[in-house]
Amino acid sequence: MKKIIVSLMVLIALSEYNPIRALSVEAHAERPEPAYAKWGRLAMETAKKKYPKAKILDYLHIGRERRQTTDIEKFKLWIEDEGKEFGLYIDIEFDSKTDRVIRINTRRSAN
């Protein structure tokens, strides 16, 4: 009987199971906010100003266009306004050094 108990204790000690590790909580790092996130918020604010009763259904960051002194962040929002759904393209041009907004262009998709 002693041999069985000793064998079990050795087996538990050598196994990978660690009850303290099983109870520990692992910390996962949050993903950093993408660089375009603040421009995306501005794009949604712009859509809400242009279509105050509309509901934003979807959001897509198309990409960034780099120019000599400015950058343009491009977004497409899918909007429902008065029972109609449509795409709304929003381009935000800004000074790449100061982040000062130069112009915001909006246009509805052709569908």
N, C-alpha and C. Protein backbone atom coordinates (compact mmCIF):
# COMPACT_ATOMS: atom_id res chain seq x y z
N MET A 1 0.83 -1.19 0.00
CA MET A 1 0.00 0.00 0.00
C MET A 1 0.87 1.25 0.00
N LYS A 2 1.98 1.18 0.78
CA LYS A 2 2.89 2.31 0.84
C LYS A 2 3.48 2.60 -0.54
N LYS A 3 3.80 1.54 -1.28
CA LYS A 3 4.41 1.71 -2.60
C LYS A 3 3.43 2.41 -3.56
N ILE A 4 2.16 2.08 -3.44
CA ILE A 4 1.15 2.68 -4.32
C ILE A 4 1.02 4.18 -4.04
N ILE A 5 0.96 4.55 -2.76
CA ILE A 5 0.84 5.96 -2.39
C ILE A 5 2.08 6.73 -2.82
N VAL A 6 3.25 6.17 -2.59
CA VAL A 6 4.50 6.83 -2.99
C VAL A 6 4.53 6.96 -4.51
N SER A 7 4.12 5.93 -5.22
CA SER A 7 4.10 5.97 -6.68
C SER A 7 3.16 7.06 -7.19
N LEU A 8 1.98 7.18 -6.59
CA LEU A 8 1.04 8.24 -6.98
C LEU A 8 1.60 9.62 -6.71
N MET A 9 2.25 9.79 -5.58
CA MET A 9 2.83 11.10 -5.24
C MET A 9 3.94 11.47 -6.22
N VAL A 10 4.77 10.50 -6.59
CA VAL A 10 5.84 10.75 -7.57
C VAL A 10 5.23 11.07 -8.93
N LEU A 11 4.21 10.34 -9.30
CA LEU A 11 3.54 10.58 -10.58
C LEU A 11 2.94 11.98 -10.64
N ILE A 12 2.28 12.40 -9.59
CA ILE A 12 1.70 13.75 -9.53
C ILE A 12 2.80 14.80 -9.57
N ALA A 13 3.89 14.57 -8.84
CA ALA A 13 4.98 15.54 -8.80
C ALA A 13 5.64 15.69 -10.16
N LEU A 14 5.73 14.61 -10.92
CA LEU A 14 6.40 14.66 -12.21
C LEU A 14 5.47 15.06 -13.36
N SER A 15 4.19 15.01 -13.12
CA SER A 15 3.25 15.35 -14.20
C SER A 15 3.25 16.86 -14.44
N GLU A 16 2.71 17.27 -15.57
CA GLU A 16 2.68 18.69 -15.92
C GLU A 16 1.53 19.42 -15.26
N TYR A 17 0.66 18.70 -14.62
CA TYR A 17 -0.47 19.35 -13.95
C TYR A 17 0.03 20.12 -12.74
N ASN A 18 -0.30 21.37 -12.70
CA ASN A 18 0.09 22.22 -11.59
C ASN A 18 -1.18 22.95 -11.14
N PRO A 19 -1.75 22.55 -9.99
CA PRO A 19 -3.01 23.17 -9.58
C PRO A 19 -2.91 24.67 -9.37
N ILE A 20 -1.77 25.17 -8.99
CA ILE A 20 -1.62 26.62 -8.81
C ILE A 20 -1.65 27.30 -10.17
N ARG A 21 -0.98 26.72 -11.15
CA ARG A 21 -0.98 27.30 -12.49
C ARG A 21 -2.38 27.21 -13.11
N ALA A 22 -3.10 26.17 -12.81
CA ALA A 22 -4.45 26.00 -13.35
C ALA A 22 -5.39 27.08 -12.82
N LEU A 23 -5.14 27.58 -11.64
CA LEU A 23 -6.00 28.61 -11.06
C LEU A 23 -5.54 30.02 -11.40
N SER A 24 -4.35 30.16 -11.95
CA SER A 24 -3.83 31.50 -12.23
C SER A 24 -4.58 32.13 -13.40
N VAL A 25 -4.61 33.43 -13.41
CA VAL A 25 -5.28 34.18 -14.47
C VAL A 25 -4.21 34.76 -15.37
N GLU A 26 -4.34 34.49 -16.66
CA GLU A 26 -3.38 35.02 -17.60
C GLU A 26 -3.83 36.40 -18.06
N ALA A 27 -2.89 37.30 -18.16
CA ALA A 27 -3.19 38.65 -18.64
C ALA A 27 -2.90 38.69 -20.13
N HIS A 28 -3.84 39.20 -20.88
CA HIS A 28 -3.67 39.36 -22.32
C HIS A 28 -3.62 40.85 -22.63
N ALA A 29 -2.65 41.22 -23.41
CA ALA A 29 -2.51 42.63 -23.77
C ALA A 29 -3.62 43.03 -24.74
N GLU A 30 -4.14 44.23 -24.55
CA GLU A 30 -5.14 44.75 -25.49
C GLU A 30 -4.44 45.14 -26.77
N ARG A 31 -5.18 45.04 -27.86
CA ARG A 31 -4.63 45.49 -29.12
C ARG A 31 -4.62 47.01 -29.12
N PRO A 32 -3.55 47.59 -29.63
CA PRO A 32 -3.53 49.05 -29.68
C PRO A 32 -4.54 49.56 -30.70
N GLU A 33 -5.03 50.76 -30.46
CA GLU A 33 -6.00 51.37 -31.36
C GLU A 33 -5.31 51.64 -32.70
N PRO A 34 -5.95 51.30 -33.83
CA PRO A 34 -5.33 51.56 -35.12
C PRO A 34 -5.17 53.06 -35.35
N ALA A 35 -4.19 53.41 -36.18
CA ALA A 35 -3.89 54.83 -36.44
C ALA A 35 -5.07 55.56 -37.06
N TYR A 36 -5.91 54.86 -37.80
CA TYR A 36 -7.03 55.52 -38.48
C TYR A 36 -8.27 55.66 -37.59
N ALA A 37 -8.23 55.17 -36.37
CA ALA A 37 -9.43 55.15 -35.52
C ALA A 37 -10.01 56.54 -35.27
N LYS A 38 -9.14 57.51 -34.99
CA LYS A 38 -9.67 58.86 -34.71
C LYS A 38 -10.33 59.45 -35.96
N TRP A 39 -9.79 59.11 -37.15
CA TRP A 39 -10.39 59.61 -38.39
C TRP A 39 -11.69 58.88 -38.66
N GLY A 40 -11.78 57.63 -38.26
CA GLY A 40 -13.03 56.88 -38.39
C GLY A 40 -14.14 57.47 -37.55
N ARG A 41 -13.78 57.91 -36.34
CA ARG A 41 -14.78 58.57 -35.48
C ARG A 41 -15.26 59.86 -36.14
N LEU A 42 -14.32 60.61 -36.72
CA LEU A 42 -14.70 61.85 -37.41
C LEU A 42 -15.58 61.55 -38.62
N ALA A 43 -15.29 60.47 -39.33
CA ALA A 43 -16.12 60.09 -40.48
C ALA A 43 -17.54 59.78 -40.03
N MET A 44 -17.69 59.07 -38.91
CA MET A 44 -19.04 58.76 -38.42
C MET A 44 -19.76 60.01 -37.93
N GLU A 45 -19.03 60.94 -37.30
CA GLU A 45 -19.64 62.21 -36.88
C GLU A 45 -20.12 63.00 -38.11
N THR A 46 -19.30 62.98 -39.16
CA THR A 46 -19.66 63.68 -40.40
C THR A 46 -20.92 63.09 -41.01
N ALA A 47 -21.02 61.76 -41.02
CA ALA A 47 -22.21 61.10 -41.56
C ALA A 47 -23.44 61.47 -40.74
N LYS A 48 -23.30 61.52 -39.41
CA LYS A 48 -24.43 61.86 -38.54
C LYS A 48 -24.88 63.31 -38.76
N LYS A 49 -23.93 64.21 -39.04
CA LYS A 49 -24.30 65.61 -39.32
C LYS A 49 -25.05 65.71 -40.64
N LYS A 50 -24.59 64.97 -41.63
CA LYS A 50 -25.20 65.03 -42.95
C LYS A 50 -26.56 64.32 -42.98
N TYR A 51 -26.66 63.22 -42.25
CA TYR A 51 -27.90 62.43 -42.19
C TYR A 51 -28.25 62.20 -40.72
N PRO A 52 -28.84 63.20 -40.05
CA PRO A 52 -29.05 63.12 -38.59
C PRO A 52 -29.97 62.00 -38.13
N LYS A 53 -30.91 61.58 -38.97
CA LYS A 53 -31.84 60.52 -38.57
C LYS A 53 -31.36 59.13 -38.99
N ALA A 54 -30.24 59.09 -39.69
CA ALA A 54 -29.74 57.83 -40.24
C ALA A 54 -29.10 56.95 -39.18
N LYS A 55 -29.06 55.68 -39.50
CA LYS A 55 -28.43 54.69 -38.64
C LYS A 55 -27.22 54.14 -39.39
N ILE A 56 -26.05 54.14 -38.76
CA ILE A 56 -24.85 53.59 -39.39
C ILE A 56 -24.86 52.08 -39.17
N LEU A 57 -24.92 51.34 -40.26
CA LEU A 57 -25.01 49.88 -40.18
C LEU A 57 -23.64 49.21 -40.23
N ASP A 58 -22.71 49.79 -40.99
CA ASP A 58 -21.40 49.17 -41.14
C ASP A 58 -20.36 50.24 -41.43
N TYR A 59 -19.10 49.87 -41.22
CA TYR A 59 -18.00 50.82 -41.29
C TYR A 59 -16.82 50.09 -41.91
N LEU A 60 -16.19 50.70 -42.90
CA LEU A 60 -15.02 50.09 -43.53
C LEU A 60 -13.95 51.14 -43.72
N HIS A 61 -12.74 50.84 -43.27
CA HIS A 61 -11.59 51.70 -43.56
C HIS A 61 -11.01 51.21 -44.87
N ILE A 62 -11.09 52.02 -45.90
CA ILE A 62 -10.60 51.63 -47.22
C ILE A 62 -9.08 51.71 -47.26
N GLY A 63 -8.53 52.77 -46.69
CA GLY A 63 -7.08 52.92 -46.69
C GLY A 63 -6.66 54.37 -46.59
N ARG A 64 -5.34 54.54 -46.63
CA ARG A 64 -4.76 55.89 -46.54
C ARG A 64 -4.02 56.18 -47.83
N GLU A 65 -4.25 57.37 -48.35
CA GLU A 65 -3.53 57.84 -49.53
C GLU A 65 -2.55 58.91 -49.06
N ARG A 66 -1.28 58.68 -49.33
CA ARG A 66 -0.25 59.64 -48.90
C ARG A 66 0.08 60.58 -50.06
N ARG A 67 0.11 61.85 -49.73
CA ARG A 67 0.51 62.87 -50.71
C ARG A 67 1.77 63.55 -50.19
N GLN A 68 2.15 64.65 -50.82
CA GLN A 68 3.40 65.30 -50.43
C GLN A 68 3.35 65.83 -49.00
N THR A 69 2.36 66.64 -48.69
CA THR A 69 2.27 67.23 -47.34
C THR A 69 1.00 66.82 -46.61
N THR A 70 0.11 66.14 -47.30
CA THR A 70 -1.15 65.73 -46.67
C THR A 70 -1.37 64.24 -46.85
N ASP A 71 -2.27 63.71 -46.05
CA ASP A 71 -2.74 62.33 -46.19
C ASP A 71 -4.25 62.37 -46.30
N ILE A 72 -4.82 61.35 -46.94
CA ILE A 72 -6.27 61.22 -47.03
C ILE A 72 -6.65 59.84 -46.50
N GLU A 73 -7.47 59.84 -45.45
CA GLU A 73 -8.04 58.59 -44.93
C GLU A 73 -9.38 58.39 -45.62
N LYS A 74 -9.61 57.18 -46.14
CA LYS A 74 -10.82 56.89 -46.90
C LYS A 74 -11.65 55.84 -46.17
N PHE A 75 -12.95 56.13 -46.07
CA PHE A 75 -13.88 55.25 -45.38
C PHE A 75 -15.12 55.04 -46.23
N LYS A 76 -15.78 53.91 -46.00
CA LYS A 76 -17.11 53.68 -46.57
C LYS A 76 -18.01 53.25 -45.43
N LEU A 77 -19.10 53.99 -45.26
CA LEU A 77 -20.09 53.66 -44.24
C LEU A 77 -21.33 53.15 -44.95
N TRP A 78 -21.98 52.16 -44.38
CA TRP A 78 -23.26 51.68 -44.90
C TRP A 78 -24.33 52.25 -43.99
N ILE A 79 -25.27 52.99 -44.59
CA ILE A 79 -26.22 53.79 -43.82
C ILE A 79 -27.65 53.42 -44.20
N GLU A 80 -28.53 53.50 -43.21
CA GLU A 80 -29.97 53.35 -43.45
C GLU A 80 -30.62 54.67 -43.06
N ASP A 81 -31.27 55.30 -44.03
CA ASP A 81 -31.93 56.58 -43.79
C ASP A 81 -33.30 56.56 -44.44
N GLU A 82 -34.32 56.76 -43.62
CA GLU A 82 -35.71 56.77 -44.09
C GLU A 82 -36.06 55.51 -44.88
N GLY A 83 -35.63 54.37 -44.37
CA GLY A 83 -35.95 53.09 -44.99
C GLY A 83 -35.08 52.70 -46.18
N LYS A 84 -34.15 53.56 -46.56
CA LYS A 84 -33.27 53.26 -47.70
C LYS A 84 -31.86 53.02 -47.19
N GLU A 85 -31.21 52.00 -47.74
CA GLU A 85 -29.81 51.72 -47.40
C GLU A 85 -28.92 52.17 -48.55
N PHE A 86 -27.78 52.74 -48.20
CA PHE A 86 -26.83 53.18 -49.22
C PHE A 86 -25.44 53.30 -48.60
N GLY A 87 -24.45 53.30 -49.48
CA GLY A 87 -23.07 53.50 -49.04
C GLY A 87 -22.74 54.97 -49.07
N LEU A 88 -21.93 55.38 -48.13
CA LEU A 88 -21.48 56.77 -48.07
C LEU A 88 -19.96 56.76 -47.95
N TYR A 89 -19.31 57.29 -48.98
CA TYR A 89 -17.85 57.39 -48.97
C TYR A 89 -17.46 58.69 -48.30
N ILE A 90 -16.49 58.63 -47.41
CA ILE A 90 -16.00 59.82 -46.73
C ILE A 90 -14.48 59.83 -46.83
N ASP A 91 -13.95 60.92 -47.39
CA ASP A 91 -12.51 61.12 -47.49
C ASP A 91 -12.12 62.28 -46.60
N ILE A 92 -11.18 62.06 -45.71
CA ILE A 92 -10.73 63.10 -44.79
C ILE A 92 -9.29 63.43 -45.13
N GLU A 93 -9.08 64.64 -45.65
CA GLU A 93 -7.72 65.09 -45.97
C GLU A 93 -7.20 65.91 -44.80
N PHE A 94 -5.97 65.62 -44.38
CA PHE A 94 -5.40 66.31 -43.23
C PHE A 94 -3.90 66.50 -43.42
N ASP A 95 -3.37 67.49 -42.72
CA ASP A 95 -1.93 67.75 -42.73
C ASP A 95 -1.25 66.61 -41.99
N SER A 96 -0.31 65.95 -42.65
CA SER A 96 0.30 64.76 -42.05
C SER A 96 1.22 65.07 -40.88
N LYS A 97 1.64 66.32 -40.73
CA LYS A 97 2.51 66.67 -39.59
C LYS A 97 1.71 67.15 -38.39
N THR A 98 0.65 67.92 -38.63
CA THR A 98 -0.10 68.52 -37.51
C THR A 98 -1.44 67.84 -37.25
N ASP A 99 -1.88 66.97 -38.14
CA ASP A 99 -3.20 66.32 -38.06
C ASP A 99 -4.36 67.31 -38.18
N ARG A 100 -4.09 68.51 -38.69
CA ARG A 100 -5.15 69.50 -38.90
C ARG A 100 -5.96 69.10 -40.13
N VAL A 101 -7.28 69.06 -39.97
CA VAL A 101 -8.17 68.67 -41.08
C VAL A 101 -8.20 69.79 -42.11
N ILE A 102 -8.00 69.42 -43.35
CA ILE A 102 -8.03 70.39 -44.45
C ILE A 102 -9.39 70.37 -45.13
N ARG A 103 -9.89 69.17 -45.43
CA ARG A 103 -11.23 69.07 -46.05
C ARG A 103 -11.79 67.67 -45.82
N ILE A 104 -13.12 67.62 -45.84
CA ILE A 104 -13.84 66.35 -45.73
C ILE A 104 -14.80 66.27 -46.90
N ASN A 105 -14.65 65.26 -47.73
CA ASN A 105 -15.53 65.05 -48.87
C ASN A 105 -16.43 63.85 -48.60
N THR A 106 -17.71 63.99 -48.94
CA THR A 106 -18.64 62.86 -48.82
C THR A 106 -19.33 62.66 -50.15
N ARG A 107 -19.62 61.41 -50.48
CA ARG A 107 -20.40 61.11 -51.68
C ARG A 107 -21.12 59.77 -51.48
N ARG A 108 -22.35 59.73 -51.97
CA ARG A 108 -23.15 58.50 -51.89
C ARG A 108 -22.70 57.53 -52.96
N SER A 109 -22.82 56.25 -52.66
CA SER A 109 -22.50 55.25 -53.67
C SER A 109 -23.61 55.22 -54.71
N ALA A 110 -23.31 54.69 -55.86
CA ALA A 110 -24.23 54.72 -57.00
C ALA A 110 -25.38 53.73 -56.88
N ASN A 111 -25.34 52.78 -55.95
CA ASN A 111 -26.38 51.73 -55.91
C ASN A 111 -27.70 52.23 -55.51
